[in-house]
Amino acid sequence: MSQQQETLIEFPCRFPIKVMGVRTDDFAQTIHDITRQHAPDFESTDLEMRVSKNGNYLSVTVTINATSKQQLDALYLAFTGHPMVKVVF
């Protein structure tokens, strides 16, 4: 199976990823830093935050210029492997 057939996503494209974790002072910065490691052209303006109803959790959505399935896979692995992160979708 070729790289093109591994995914229905056409690259390059804008791709949003939502990351949720316990609300701490450095959660959003941590997500920003991980994103920059895998998408060097990522801009802070492409990060959106939303606090949960009770204020215990923070949802951070990063929208990157995705260039490949490998890039997205590596980013998902970095997020899911981080101890601050509870859910990625």
N, C-alpha and C. Protein backbone atom coordinates (compact mmCIF):
# COMPACT_ATOMS: atom_id res chain seq x y z
N MET A 1 0.85 -1.18 0.00
CA MET A 1 0.00 0.00 0.00
C MET A 1 0.90 1.25 0.00
N SER A 2 0.64 2.16 -0.89
CA SER A 2 1.46 3.36 -0.97
C SER A 2 1.10 4.34 0.14
N GLN A 3 1.99 5.31 0.33
CA GLN A 3 1.75 6.32 1.37
C GLN A 3 0.45 7.07 1.10
N GLN A 4 0.16 7.33 -0.15
CA GLN A 4 -1.06 8.04 -0.51
C GLN A 4 -2.31 7.24 -0.11
N GLN A 5 -2.25 5.90 -0.15
CA GLN A 5 -3.40 5.07 0.13
C GLN A 5 -3.58 4.80 1.62
N GLU A 6 -2.61 5.12 2.45
CA GLU A 6 -2.70 4.86 3.88
C GLU A 6 -3.71 5.76 4.58
N THR A 7 -4.08 6.85 3.98
CA THR A 7 -4.99 7.80 4.61
C THR A 7 -5.86 8.46 3.55
N LEU A 8 -7.02 8.92 3.98
CA LEU A 8 -7.90 9.65 3.07
C LEU A 8 -7.60 11.14 3.08
N ILE A 9 -6.71 11.56 3.96
CA ILE A 9 -6.34 12.97 4.08
C ILE A 9 -5.41 13.35 2.93
N GLU A 10 -5.68 14.47 2.31
CA GLU A 10 -4.80 14.97 1.26
C GLU A 10 -3.85 16.00 1.87
N PHE A 11 -2.56 15.74 1.73
CA PHE A 11 -1.53 16.63 2.29
C PHE A 11 -0.96 17.50 1.20
N PRO A 12 -0.52 18.70 1.55
CA PRO A 12 -0.62 19.36 2.86
C PRO A 12 -2.04 19.87 3.11
N CYS A 13 -2.37 20.01 4.39
CA CYS A 13 -3.69 20.52 4.75
C CYS A 13 -3.65 21.11 6.16
N ARG A 14 -4.65 21.90 6.47
CA ARG A 14 -4.82 22.42 7.84
C ARG A 14 -5.51 21.31 8.62
N PHE A 15 -4.97 20.98 9.79
CA PHE A 15 -5.49 19.84 10.55
C PHE A 15 -5.59 20.20 12.02
N PRO A 16 -6.82 20.22 12.57
CA PRO A 16 -7.00 20.53 14.00
C PRO A 16 -6.85 19.27 14.86
N ILE A 17 -6.21 19.43 16.01
CA ILE A 17 -6.08 18.36 16.98
C ILE A 17 -6.47 18.93 18.34
N LYS A 18 -7.40 18.24 19.02
CA LYS A 18 -7.85 18.69 20.33
C LYS A 18 -7.17 17.83 21.39
N VAL A 19 -6.58 18.50 22.38
CA VAL A 19 -5.86 17.83 23.46
C VAL A 19 -6.47 18.30 24.77
N MET A 20 -6.84 17.33 25.62
CA MET A 20 -7.45 17.68 26.91
C MET A 20 -6.59 17.16 28.06
N GLY A 21 -6.57 17.96 29.13
CA GLY A 21 -5.83 17.56 30.32
C GLY A 21 -6.32 18.34 31.52
N VAL A 22 -5.78 17.98 32.67
CA VAL A 22 -6.11 18.70 33.89
C VAL A 22 -5.63 20.14 33.75
N ARG A 23 -6.43 21.07 34.19
CA ARG A 23 -6.10 22.49 34.08
C ARG A 23 -4.96 22.84 35.04
N THR A 24 -3.81 23.15 34.46
CA THR A 24 -2.64 23.61 35.22
C THR A 24 -2.09 24.85 34.51
N ASP A 25 -1.24 25.57 35.22
CA ASP A 25 -0.69 26.80 34.66
C ASP A 25 0.13 26.57 33.39
N ASP A 26 0.77 25.41 33.27
CA ASP A 26 1.66 25.19 32.14
C ASP A 26 1.14 24.21 31.09
N PHE A 27 -0.12 23.79 31.19
CA PHE A 27 -0.64 22.82 30.23
C PHE A 27 -0.63 23.37 28.80
N ALA A 28 -1.19 24.54 28.58
CA ALA A 28 -1.26 25.11 27.23
C ALA A 28 0.14 25.32 26.64
N GLN A 29 1.08 25.79 27.46
CA GLN A 29 2.45 26.00 26.98
C GLN A 29 3.10 24.67 26.62
N THR A 30 2.84 23.64 27.40
CA THR A 30 3.39 22.32 27.11
C THR A 30 2.87 21.80 25.78
N ILE A 31 1.57 21.95 25.54
CA ILE A 31 0.97 21.51 24.27
C ILE A 31 1.56 22.32 23.11
N HIS A 32 1.72 23.61 23.32
CA HIS A 32 2.34 24.47 22.30
C HIS A 32 3.74 23.97 21.96
N ASP A 33 4.54 23.68 22.99
CA ASP A 33 5.93 23.25 22.78
C ASP A 33 6.01 21.91 22.05
N ILE A 34 5.15 20.97 22.42
CA ILE A 34 5.12 19.67 21.74
C ILE A 34 4.74 19.86 20.28
N THR A 35 3.75 20.70 20.04
CA THR A 35 3.30 20.96 18.66
C THR A 35 4.43 21.53 17.83
N ARG A 36 5.16 22.49 18.38
CA ARG A 36 6.27 23.12 17.64
C ARG A 36 7.37 22.13 17.29
N GLN A 37 7.57 21.11 18.12
CA GLN A 37 8.59 20.10 17.82
C GLN A 37 8.25 19.32 16.55
N HIS A 38 6.96 19.16 16.29
CA HIS A 38 6.53 18.36 15.14
C HIS A 38 6.02 19.18 13.98
N ALA A 39 5.71 20.44 14.24
CA ALA A 39 5.22 21.36 13.20
C ALA A 39 5.91 22.71 13.43
N PRO A 40 7.14 22.84 12.97
CA PRO A 40 7.94 24.05 13.26
C PRO A 40 7.30 25.36 12.82
N ASP A 41 6.38 25.31 11.85
CA ASP A 41 5.73 26.53 11.38
C ASP A 41 4.47 26.86 12.17
N PHE A 42 4.18 26.08 13.22
CA PHE A 42 3.01 26.32 14.05
C PHE A 42 3.08 27.69 14.72
N GLU A 43 1.98 28.43 14.66
CA GLU A 43 1.89 29.76 15.25
C GLU A 43 0.97 29.75 16.46
N SER A 44 1.28 30.54 17.45
CA SER A 44 0.46 30.62 18.67
C SER A 44 -0.97 31.03 18.38
N THR A 45 -1.18 31.76 17.30
CA THR A 45 -2.54 32.18 16.94
C THR A 45 -3.40 31.01 16.50
N ASP A 46 -2.78 29.86 16.22
CA ASP A 46 -3.52 28.66 15.82
C ASP A 46 -3.77 27.73 17.01
N LEU A 47 -3.79 28.29 18.20
CA LEU A 47 -4.07 27.55 19.42
C LEU A 47 -5.30 28.16 20.09
N GLU A 48 -6.27 27.31 20.38
CA GLU A 48 -7.49 27.77 21.06
C GLU A 48 -7.65 26.99 22.35
N MET A 49 -8.12 27.67 23.39
CA MET A 49 -8.30 27.03 24.69
C MET A 49 -9.73 27.18 25.16
N ARG A 50 -10.19 26.15 25.87
CA ARG A 50 -11.51 26.21 26.48
C ARG A 50 -11.44 25.47 27.81
N VAL A 51 -11.90 26.12 28.86
CA VAL A 51 -11.92 25.54 30.20
C VAL A 51 -13.23 24.77 30.37
N SER A 52 -13.17 23.62 31.05
CA SER A 52 -14.37 22.82 31.28
C SER A 52 -15.36 23.57 32.17
N LYS A 53 -16.57 23.09 32.19
CA LYS A 53 -17.65 23.74 32.94
C LYS A 53 -17.28 23.99 34.40
N ASN A 54 -16.68 23.01 35.05
CA ASN A 54 -16.31 23.15 36.46
C ASN A 54 -14.90 23.70 36.66
N GLY A 55 -14.20 23.98 35.56
CA GLY A 55 -12.87 24.58 35.66
C GLY A 55 -11.74 23.62 35.99
N ASN A 56 -12.01 22.32 35.95
CA ASN A 56 -10.98 21.35 36.30
C ASN A 56 -10.09 20.92 35.13
N TYR A 57 -10.63 21.02 33.92
CA TYR A 57 -9.92 20.55 32.73
C TYR A 57 -9.77 21.68 31.71
N LEU A 58 -8.75 21.53 30.87
CA LEU A 58 -8.51 22.49 29.81
C LEU A 58 -8.43 21.75 28.49
N SER A 59 -9.16 22.24 27.52
CA SER A 59 -9.11 21.70 26.17
C SER A 59 -8.30 22.68 25.32
N VAL A 60 -7.29 22.15 24.65
CA VAL A 60 -6.45 22.97 23.78
C VAL A 60 -6.56 22.41 22.37
N THR A 61 -6.98 23.23 21.43
CA THR A 61 -7.04 22.81 20.03
C THR A 61 -5.91 23.51 19.29
N VAL A 62 -5.06 22.69 18.66
CA VAL A 62 -3.99 23.23 17.83
C VAL A 62 -4.32 22.88 16.39
N THR A 63 -4.17 23.84 15.50
CA THR A 63 -4.39 23.60 14.08
C THR A 63 -3.05 23.78 13.38
N ILE A 64 -2.59 22.68 12.77
CA ILE A 64 -1.28 22.71 12.12
C ILE A 64 -1.41 22.61 10.62
N ASN A 65 -0.33 22.94 9.94
CA ASN A 65 -0.21 22.70 8.51
C ASN A 65 0.38 21.30 8.38
N ALA A 66 -0.47 20.30 8.30
CA ALA A 66 -0.02 18.91 8.25
C ALA A 66 0.60 18.60 6.90
N THR A 67 1.75 17.95 6.93
CA THR A 67 2.46 17.64 5.69
C THR A 67 2.48 16.16 5.36
N SER A 68 2.19 15.29 6.36
CA SER A 68 2.22 13.85 6.09
C SER A 68 1.52 13.08 7.21
N LYS A 69 1.17 11.84 6.91
CA LYS A 69 0.60 10.95 7.91
C LYS A 69 1.63 10.69 9.01
N GLN A 70 2.89 10.56 8.64
CA GLN A 70 3.94 10.31 9.62
C GLN A 70 4.05 11.46 10.62
N GLN A 71 3.90 12.69 10.15
CA GLN A 71 3.94 13.84 11.03
C GLN A 71 2.78 13.79 12.03
N LEU A 72 1.58 13.50 11.54
CA LEU A 72 0.41 13.42 12.43
C LEU A 72 0.56 12.28 13.43
N ASP A 73 1.04 11.13 12.97
CA ASP A 73 1.24 9.99 13.87
C ASP A 73 2.22 10.34 14.97
N ALA A 74 3.32 10.98 14.63
CA ALA A 74 4.33 11.36 15.61
C ALA A 74 3.77 12.36 16.62
N LEU A 75 2.97 13.29 16.14
CA LEU A 75 2.38 14.29 17.03
C LEU A 75 1.37 13.64 17.99
N TYR A 76 0.53 12.75 17.47
CA TYR A 76 -0.42 12.04 18.33
C TYR A 76 0.32 11.21 19.38
N LEU A 77 1.39 10.54 19.00
CA LEU A 77 2.17 9.75 19.95
C LEU A 77 2.79 10.63 21.03
N ALA A 78 3.29 11.80 20.63
CA ALA A 78 3.89 12.72 21.60
C ALA A 78 2.84 13.22 22.59
N PHE A 79 1.65 13.55 22.08
CA PHE A 79 0.59 14.02 22.98
C PHE A 79 0.13 12.91 23.91
N THR A 80 -0.21 11.75 23.36
CA THR A 80 -0.76 10.67 24.18
C THR A 80 0.27 10.12 25.17
N GLY A 81 1.54 10.28 24.87
CA GLY A 81 2.58 9.79 25.76
C GLY A 81 2.94 10.76 26.87
N HIS A 82 2.39 11.96 26.83
CA HIS A 82 2.74 12.96 27.85
C HIS A 82 1.85 12.77 29.08
N PRO A 83 2.44 12.81 30.27
CA PRO A 83 1.66 12.55 31.49
C PRO A 83 0.57 13.58 31.79
N MET A 84 0.66 14.78 31.25
CA MET A 84 -0.36 15.80 31.51
C MET A 84 -1.61 15.60 30.66
N VAL A 85 -1.49 14.85 29.59
CA VAL A 85 -2.56 14.71 28.61
C VAL A 85 -3.47 13.54 28.99
N LYS A 86 -4.78 13.82 28.98
CA LYS A 86 -5.79 12.79 29.27
C LYS A 86 -6.41 12.21 28.01
N VAL A 87 -6.73 13.06 27.02
CA VAL A 87 -7.42 12.63 25.80
C VAL A 87 -6.90 13.46 24.63
N VAL A 88 -6.78 12.79 23.47
CA VAL A 88 -6.42 13.47 22.22
C VAL A 88 -7.41 13.05 21.15
N PHE A 89 -7.99 14.02 20.45
CA PHE A 89 -8.86 13.69 19.31
C PHE A 89 -8.89 14.83 18.33
